[in-house]
Protein backbone atom coordinates (compact mmCIF):
# COMPACT_ATOMS: atom_id res chain seq x y z
CA UNK A 1 -40.88 -37.23 -28.42
CA UNK A 2 -43.65 -35.19 -30.04
CA UNK A 3 -47.24 -36.18 -29.28
CA UNK A 4 -50.77 -34.78 -29.36
CA UNK A 5 -52.28 -34.79 -25.88
CA UNK A 6 -55.66 -34.21 -24.25
CA UNK A 7 -55.29 -31.75 -21.39
CA UNK A 8 -58.83 -32.15 -20.07
CA UNK A 9 -62.05 -33.93 -20.95
CA UNK A 10 -64.02 -31.52 -23.11
CA UNK A 11 -66.47 -31.93 -26.00
CA UNK A 12 -64.58 -31.07 -29.19
CA UNK A 13 -61.68 -29.96 -27.01
CA UNK A 14 -58.37 -29.04 -28.60
CA UNK A 15 -55.44 -31.43 -28.94
CA UNK A 16 -52.12 -29.94 -27.89
CA UNK A 17 -48.80 -30.76 -29.54
CA UNK A 18 -46.38 -31.44 -26.71
CA UNK A 19 -42.94 -32.78 -25.90
CA UNK A 20 -43.50 -35.97 -23.92
CA UNK A 21 -41.03 -38.38 -22.30
CA UNK A 22 -39.92 -41.30 -24.48
CA UNK A 23 -41.86 -44.47 -23.51
CA UNK A 24 -40.29 -47.01 -21.18
CA UNK A 25 -40.84 -50.68 -21.95
CA UNK A 26 -41.54 -53.62 -19.66
CA UNK A 27 -40.45 -57.21 -20.10
CA UNK A 28 -43.43 -58.06 -22.33
CA UNK A 29 -43.44 -54.81 -24.30
CA UNK A 30 -42.30 -53.66 -27.71
CA UNK A 31 -41.11 -50.11 -28.38
CA UNK A 32 -42.41 -48.99 -31.77
CA UNK A 33 -41.49 -45.97 -33.86
CA UNK A 34 -44.85 -44.96 -35.31
CA UNK A 35 -44.90 -44.28 -39.04
CA UNK A 36 -48.67 -43.87 -39.33
CA UNK A 37 -51.80 -43.83 -37.20
CA UNK A 38 -55.51 -43.61 -38.01
CA UNK A 39 -58.42 -41.56 -36.72
CA UNK A 40 -61.50 -43.16 -35.17
CA UNK A 41 -64.71 -41.79 -33.72
CA UNK A 42 -63.56 -43.60 -30.58
CA UNK A 43 -60.85 -40.94 -30.27
CA UNK A 44 -63.51 -38.23 -30.20
CA UNK A 45 -65.58 -40.09 -27.64
CA UNK A 46 -62.58 -40.64 -25.35
CA UNK A 47 -61.53 -36.97 -25.63
CA UNK A 48 -65.11 -35.81 -24.98
CA UNK A 49 -65.28 -37.92 -21.81
CA UNK A 50 -68.10 -40.19 -23.00
CA UNK A 51 -66.28 -43.29 -21.73
CA UNK A 52 -64.55 -41.91 -18.65
CA UNK A 53 -66.98 -43.80 -16.40
CA UNK A 54 -65.35 -47.09 -17.37
CA UNK A 55 -62.22 -45.91 -19.27
CA UNK A 56 -60.84 -43.20 -16.98
CA UNK A 57 -57.66 -41.72 -18.43
CA UNK A 58 -55.83 -39.16 -16.34
CA UNK A 59 -55.11 -35.97 -18.32
CA UNK A 60 -52.83 -35.05 -19.85
CA UNK A 61 -52.84 -38.22 -21.94
CA UNK A 62 -51.91 -39.08 -25.52
CA UNK A 63 -54.83 -39.98 -27.78
CA UNK A 64 -54.86 -42.54 -30.61
CA UNK A 65 -55.79 -46.21 -31.09
CA UNK A 66 -54.17 -47.44 -34.36
CA UNK A 67 -50.54 -47.80 -35.39
CA UNK A 68 -48.18 -49.07 -38.05
CA UNK A 69 -44.48 -48.73 -37.49
CA UNK A 70 -41.06 -50.24 -36.93
CA UNK A 71 -39.83 -52.05 -33.83
CA UNK A 72 -37.02 -50.15 -32.06
CA UNK A 73 -36.49 -52.44 -29.08
CA UNK A 74 -38.16 -55.40 -27.35
CA UNK A 75 -38.54 -56.41 -23.70
CA UNK A 76 -36.72 -59.34 -22.12
CA UNK A 77 -39.63 -61.77 -22.53
CA UNK A 78 -40.47 -60.95 -26.15
CA UNK A 79 -39.51 -63.60 -28.71
CA UNK A 80 -41.88 -63.03 -31.63
CA UNK A 81 -40.56 -59.58 -32.61
CA UNK A 82 -37.13 -58.02 -33.09
CA UNK A 83 -35.72 -54.60 -33.88
CA UNK A 84 -36.48 -53.60 -37.45
CA UNK A 85 -39.72 -55.57 -37.77
CA UNK A 86 -42.61 -53.73 -39.42
CA UNK A 87 -45.69 -54.15 -37.24
CA UNK A 88 -49.26 -52.94 -36.86
CA UNK A 89 -51.69 -53.02 -33.97
CA UNK A 90 -54.26 -51.49 -31.68
CA UNK A 91 -52.81 -50.93 -28.18
CA UNK A 92 -55.01 -52.21 -25.38
CA UNK A 93 -57.20 -49.88 -23.33
CA UNK A 94 -55.34 -47.77 -20.77
CA UNK A 95 -52.21 -48.02 -22.96
CA UNK A 96 -53.40 -46.04 -25.97
CA UNK A 97 -51.39 -43.13 -27.37
CA UNK A 98 -50.63 -43.51 -31.08
CA UNK A 99 -50.81 -39.79 -31.88
CA UNK A 100 -47.11 -39.77 -31.10
CA UNK A 101 -43.69 -40.56 -32.55
CA UNK A 102 -43.23 -43.67 -30.36
CA UNK A 103 -45.23 -46.00 -28.15
CA UNK A 104 -44.62 -48.97 -25.86
CA UNK A 105 -47.10 -51.75 -26.70
CA UNK A 106 -47.73 -55.14 -25.11
CA UNK A 107 -46.36 -57.67 -27.59
CA UNK A 108 -49.66 -59.59 -27.51
CA UNK A 109 -51.38 -56.61 -29.14
CA UNK A 110 -49.12 -56.51 -32.22
CA UNK A 111 -48.72 -58.45 -35.45
CA UNK A 112 -46.35 -58.20 -38.38
CA UNK A 113 -47.66 -55.67 -40.89
CA UNK A 114 -49.25 -57.09 -44.05
CA UNK A 115 -46.39 -57.09 -46.55
CA UNK A 116 -48.62 -55.90 -49.38
CA UNK A 117 -49.59 -52.67 -47.61
CA UNK A 118 -47.87 -49.35 -47.06
CA UNK A 119 -47.54 -48.07 -43.52
CA UNK A 120 -50.43 -45.67 -44.09
CA UNK A 121 -52.69 -48.45 -45.41
CA UNK A 122 -51.71 -50.80 -42.57
CA UNK A 123 -52.46 -48.15 -39.94
CA UNK A 124 -56.04 -47.95 -41.22
CA UNK A 125 -56.77 -51.58 -40.34
CA UNK A 126 -56.36 -52.56 -36.65
CA UNK A 127 -59.34 -51.04 -34.84
CA UNK A 128 -61.90 -51.51 -37.61
CA UNK A 129 -60.47 -54.88 -38.60
CA UNK A 130 -60.64 -56.22 -35.06
CA UNK A 131 -64.14 -54.78 -34.59
CA UNK A 132 -65.40 -56.54 -37.72
CA UNK A 133 -63.60 -59.79 -36.87
CA UNK A 134 -64.89 -59.94 -33.32
CA UNK A 135 -68.44 -59.08 -34.43
CA UNK A 136 -68.70 -61.43 -37.40
CA UNK A 137 -66.31 -64.29 -36.61
CA UNK A 138 -66.09 -64.43 -32.82
CA UNK A 139 -69.54 -63.31 -31.61
CA UNK A 140 -71.66 -63.62 -34.74
CA UNK A 141 -70.14 -66.90 -35.98
CA UNK A 142 -71.27 -66.03 -39.51
CA UNK A 143 -71.72 -69.07 -41.75
CA UNK A 144 -71.96 -69.43 -45.55
CA UNK A 145 -75.47 -68.71 -46.79
CA UNK A 146 -76.47 -66.45 -43.91
CA UNK A 147 -77.77 -62.92 -44.38
CA UNK A 148 -75.93 -60.04 -42.69
CA UNK A 149 -76.96 -56.38 -42.47
CA UNK A 150 -74.06 -53.97 -41.91
CA UNK A 151 -75.02 -50.37 -41.26
CA UNK A 152 -73.06 -47.39 -42.61
CA UNK A 153 -71.25 -49.42 -45.24
CA UNK A 154 -68.99 -46.64 -46.47
CA UNK A 155 -67.56 -45.91 -43.00
CA UNK A 156 -64.41 -47.33 -41.45
CA UNK A 157 -65.97 -50.40 -39.86
CA UNK A 158 -68.50 -50.82 -42.65
CA UNK A 159 -66.01 -50.99 -45.51
CA UNK A 160 -64.04 -53.71 -43.72
CA UNK A 161 -67.04 -55.64 -42.37
CA UNK A 162 -68.68 -55.92 -45.80
CA UNK A 163 -65.55 -57.55 -47.21
CA UNK A 164 -65.16 -59.92 -44.26
CA UNK A 165 -68.84 -60.94 -44.32
CA UNK A 166 -68.59 -61.75 -48.04
CA UNK A 167 -65.43 -63.78 -47.40
CA UNK A 168 -67.38 -65.75 -44.79
CA UNK A 169 -70.00 -66.55 -47.40
CA UNK A 170 -72.81 -64.24 -46.33
CA UNK A 171 -75.29 -62.23 -48.38
CA UNK A 172 -74.69 -58.63 -47.33
CA UNK A 173 -77.03 -55.65 -47.14
CA UNK A 174 -75.84 -52.20 -46.17
CA UNK A 175 -76.91 -48.57 -45.91
CA UNK A 176 -75.09 -45.64 -47.46
CA UNK A 177 -75.72 -42.60 -49.65
CA UNK A 178 -76.18 -42.76 -53.42
CA UNK A 179 -72.76 -41.17 -53.81
CA UNK A 180 -71.11 -44.13 -52.07
CA UNK A 181 -73.22 -46.92 -53.57
CA UNK A 182 -70.62 -48.01 -56.11
CA UNK A 183 -67.92 -48.13 -53.43
CA UNK A 184 -69.85 -50.53 -51.20
CA UNK A 185 -70.87 -52.65 -54.19
CA UNK A 186 -67.21 -52.95 -55.15
CA UNK A 187 -66.52 -54.27 -51.63
CA UNK A 188 -69.16 -56.98 -52.02
CA UNK A 189 -72.48 -55.52 -50.84
CA UNK A 190 -75.39 -57.38 -52.46
CA UNK A 191 -78.15 -54.97 -51.45
CA UNK A 192 -77.46 -51.24 -51.07
CA UNK A 193 -80.07 -49.11 -49.29
CA UNK A 194 -80.04 -45.31 -49.65
CA UNK A 195 -80.52 -44.21 -46.05
CA UNK A 196 -81.73 -40.79 -47.18
CA UNK A 197 -84.71 -42.00 -49.23
CA UNK A 198 -85.28 -45.64 -48.22
CA UNK A 199 -86.22 -47.31 -44.94
CA UNK A 200 -84.26 -50.49 -44.30
CA UNK A 201 -86.97 -51.64 -41.89
CA UNK A 202 -89.37 -51.96 -44.84
CA UNK A 203 -86.82 -53.73 -47.05
CA UNK A 204 -85.09 -56.27 -44.82
CA UNK A 205 -86.43 -59.33 -43.05
CA UNK A 206 -85.20 -62.76 -42.06
CA UNK A 207 -81.61 -61.66 -41.46
CA UNK A 208 -79.26 -63.70 -39.32
CA UNK A 209 -77.14 -60.82 -38.01
CA UNK A 210 -77.24 -57.04 -37.81
CA UNK A 211 -74.11 -55.03 -37.04
CA UNK A 212 -75.45 -51.79 -35.56
CA UNK A 213 -73.30 -48.67 -35.45
CA UNK A 214 -75.97 -45.99 -35.34
CA UNK A 215 -78.34 -44.36 -32.84
CA UNK A 216 -80.92 -45.85 -30.49
CA UNK A 217 -83.78 -45.41 -32.97
CA UNK A 218 -81.89 -47.36 -35.64
CA UNK A 219 -80.97 -50.01 -33.07
CA UNK A 220 -84.62 -50.61 -32.22
CA UNK A 221 -85.63 -50.75 -35.89
CA UNK A 222 -82.87 -53.28 -36.54
CA UNK A 223 -84.73 -55.88 -34.48
CA UNK A 224 -87.38 -56.09 -37.21
CA UNK A 225 -84.80 -57.09 -39.81
CA UNK A 226 -83.81 -60.21 -37.86
CA UNK A 227 -85.32 -63.67 -37.93
CA UNK A 228 -86.05 -65.48 -34.64
CA UNK A 229 -82.73 -66.65 -33.24
CA UNK A 230 -80.86 -63.87 -35.04
CA UNK A 231 -78.16 -61.72 -33.49
CA UNK A 232 -78.12 -57.95 -33.01
CA UNK A 233 -74.57 -56.80 -32.28
CA UNK A 234 -74.10 -53.12 -31.49
CA UNK A 235 -70.82 -51.24 -31.43
CA UNK A 236 -72.50 -47.95 -30.50
CA UNK A 237 -74.31 -49.04 -27.35
CA UNK A 238 -76.00 -49.36 -25.05
CA UNK A 239 -73.41 -51.32 -23.04
CA UNK A 240 -74.67 -54.40 -21.24
CA UNK A 241 -73.83 -56.44 -18.12
CA UNK A 242 -71.49 -58.94 -19.86
CA UNK A 243 -69.46 -55.96 -21.05
CA UNK A 244 -69.33 -54.56 -17.51
CA UNK A 245 -68.18 -57.94 -16.19
CA UNK A 246 -65.48 -58.19 -18.87
CA UNK A 247 -64.01 -54.93 -17.57
CA UNK A 248 -64.44 -56.10 -13.96
CA UNK A 249 -66.47 -53.01 -13.16
CA UNK A 250 -67.95 -52.58 -9.69
CA UNK A 251 -71.52 -53.51 -8.80
CA UNK A 252 -72.77 -49.94 -9.16
CA UNK A 253 -71.49 -49.64 -12.75
CA UNK A 254 -72.88 -53.07 -13.56
CA UNK A 255 -76.25 -51.84 -12.32
CA UNK A 256 -75.94 -48.71 -14.46
CA UNK A 257 -75.27 -50.78 -17.57
CA UNK A 258 -78.11 -53.14 -16.72
CA UNK A 259 -80.44 -50.13 -16.66
CA UNK A 260 -79.00 -48.73 -19.91
CA UNK A 261 -79.53 -51.97 -21.80
CA UNK A 262 -82.80 -53.07 -20.20
CA UNK A 263 -85.02 -51.56 -22.87
CA UNK A 264 -83.33 -53.10 -25.91
CA UNK A 265 -82.92 -56.44 -24.12
CA UNK A 266 -86.66 -56.63 -23.42
CA UNK A 267 -87.48 -55.80 -27.04
CA UNK A 268 -84.97 -58.35 -28.28
CA UNK A 269 -86.41 -61.04 -26.01
CA UNK A 270 -89.92 -60.38 -27.34
CA UNK A 271 -88.58 -60.82 -30.88
CA UNK A 272 -86.68 -63.97 -29.95
CA UNK A 273 -83.30 -62.51 -30.91
CA UNK A 274 -80.03 -62.03 -29.07
CA UNK A 275 -78.62 -58.58 -28.26
CA UNK A 276 -74.99 -57.95 -27.34
CA UNK A 277 -72.77 -54.89 -27.06
CA UNK A 278 -69.28 -55.15 -28.57
CA UNK A 279 -66.39 -52.97 -27.43
CA UNK A 280 -63.50 -54.37 -29.40
CA UNK A 281 -60.35 -55.48 -27.60
CA UNK A 282 -56.72 -55.57 -28.67
CA UNK A 283 -55.73 -58.94 -30.11
CA UNK A 284 -52.52 -59.58 -32.05
CA UNK A 285 -53.53 -63.12 -33.00
CA UNK A 286 -56.58 -61.88 -34.87
CA UNK A 287 -54.48 -59.24 -36.61
CA UNK A 288 -52.22 -62.03 -37.88
CA UNK A 289 -55.24 -63.77 -39.42
CA UNK A 290 -56.40 -60.47 -40.95
CA UNK A 291 -52.92 -59.86 -42.40
CA UNK A 292 -53.03 -63.25 -44.15
CA UNK A 293 -56.34 -62.37 -45.79
CA UNK A 294 -55.03 -58.96 -46.86
CA UNK A 295 -51.88 -60.39 -48.40
CA UNK A 296 -54.00 -63.03 -50.15
CA UNK A 297 -56.05 -60.25 -51.76
CA UNK A 298 -59.27 -61.16 -49.91
CA UNK A 299 -59.47 -57.91 -47.92
CA UNK A 300 -58.26 -54.43 -48.81
CA UNK A 301 -58.00 -51.14 -46.94
CA UNK A 302 -60.16 -48.19 -47.90
CA UNK A 303 -58.36 -44.94 -47.12
CA UNK A 304 -60.11 -41.62 -47.67
CA UNK A 305 -57.33 -39.13 -46.83
CA UNK A 306 -53.83 -39.06 -45.40
CA UNK A 307 -52.95 -36.02 -43.24
CA UNK A 308 -49.47 -34.99 -42.08
CA UNK A 309 -48.77 -35.34 -38.35
CA UNK A 310 -48.94 -31.58 -37.76
CA UNK A 311 -52.58 -31.61 -38.94
CA UNK A 312 -53.75 -34.37 -36.58
CA UNK A 313 -56.38 -32.11 -34.93
CA UNK A 314 -57.73 -31.22 -38.38
CA UNK A 315 -57.94 -34.90 -39.31
CA UNK A 316 -59.98 -35.62 -36.17
CA UNK A 317 -62.37 -32.78 -37.01
CA UNK A 318 -62.76 -34.20 -40.53
CA UNK A 319 -63.73 -37.64 -39.20
CA UNK A 320 -66.29 -35.99 -36.91
CA UNK A 321 -68.10 -34.58 -39.97
CA UNK A 322 -69.10 -38.14 -40.92
CA UNK A 323 -68.12 -37.60 -44.56
CA UNK A 324 -65.09 -39.89 -44.71
CA UNK A 325 -65.18 -42.94 -46.99
CA UNK A 326 -63.32 -45.66 -45.15
CA UNK A 327 -60.49 -44.52 -42.91
CA UNK A 328 -58.59 -41.28 -42.33
CA UNK A 329 -54.88 -41.76 -41.71
CA UNK A 330 -52.11 -39.59 -40.25
CA UNK A 331 -48.54 -39.99 -41.53
CA UNK A 332 -46.48 -39.54 -38.35
CA UNK A 333 -43.04 -40.04 -39.87
CA UNK A 334 -41.69 -40.95 -43.29
């Protein structure tokens, strides 16, 4: 099969189109013909080697974290899927590789594709949808009437998280540029802050939850938007000890992550708020719940551009510019 591979860890390194062996499936796996995948900044970070300390892939490896496609074959233990099913998912860590024509995925990481979406639209959902769900529903436990601040509202996670937070009954503030203000308002944002001319730290207070996706300076400022007992959830770091334990990392790496998160944890404690790092995990059950909301018209995908498979490297470079509204998708096969 054709696939785009990383030959070595390198910042902004090239992806190489290669002929790779067809995937082999285990008893709990599903073999999927990929119709579409999506591009995430996570792909850049993995390629650059930013996560190789705790996510060590052995080059050459196939990049890519989102998929929508058709089931070709299922393993002996799989009962919930059959050949011909249209599915979508985010393969679990160490089994990524959706920049390819096929992939073997653990059945627990898949769900039936929302029937109302095209393959390209469905491929835009898994990683950002799971990130938003795990931040707002699982960790944040957002309740009706609460106030939620979602940074970078016009980005991939932001566009989905705004919609989910509104569905959960929250008042939502977000940051974006003037050019994207109408987009985030259409998704449900109640307060839109122009990050170029306005300072959210001066405008927000008493919030129940902040979903941070920006740099360390923005993370520290986010503490001042929260009320005592509020939650600061970061998807951009720094990683903390609970995250290290979840990956069963050794004592040295746990110590490293304790040191990395010590500063923000001390500041959060002084403010009386809770800090946690979220590195989303694959979860087919949550994707089933998301699919129901999509087919009910509660949530919708926001797709900026669709690139052909041959232009996958170009699509990754486009995402790295930070100009995309919502998600960037690659059509692998028609």
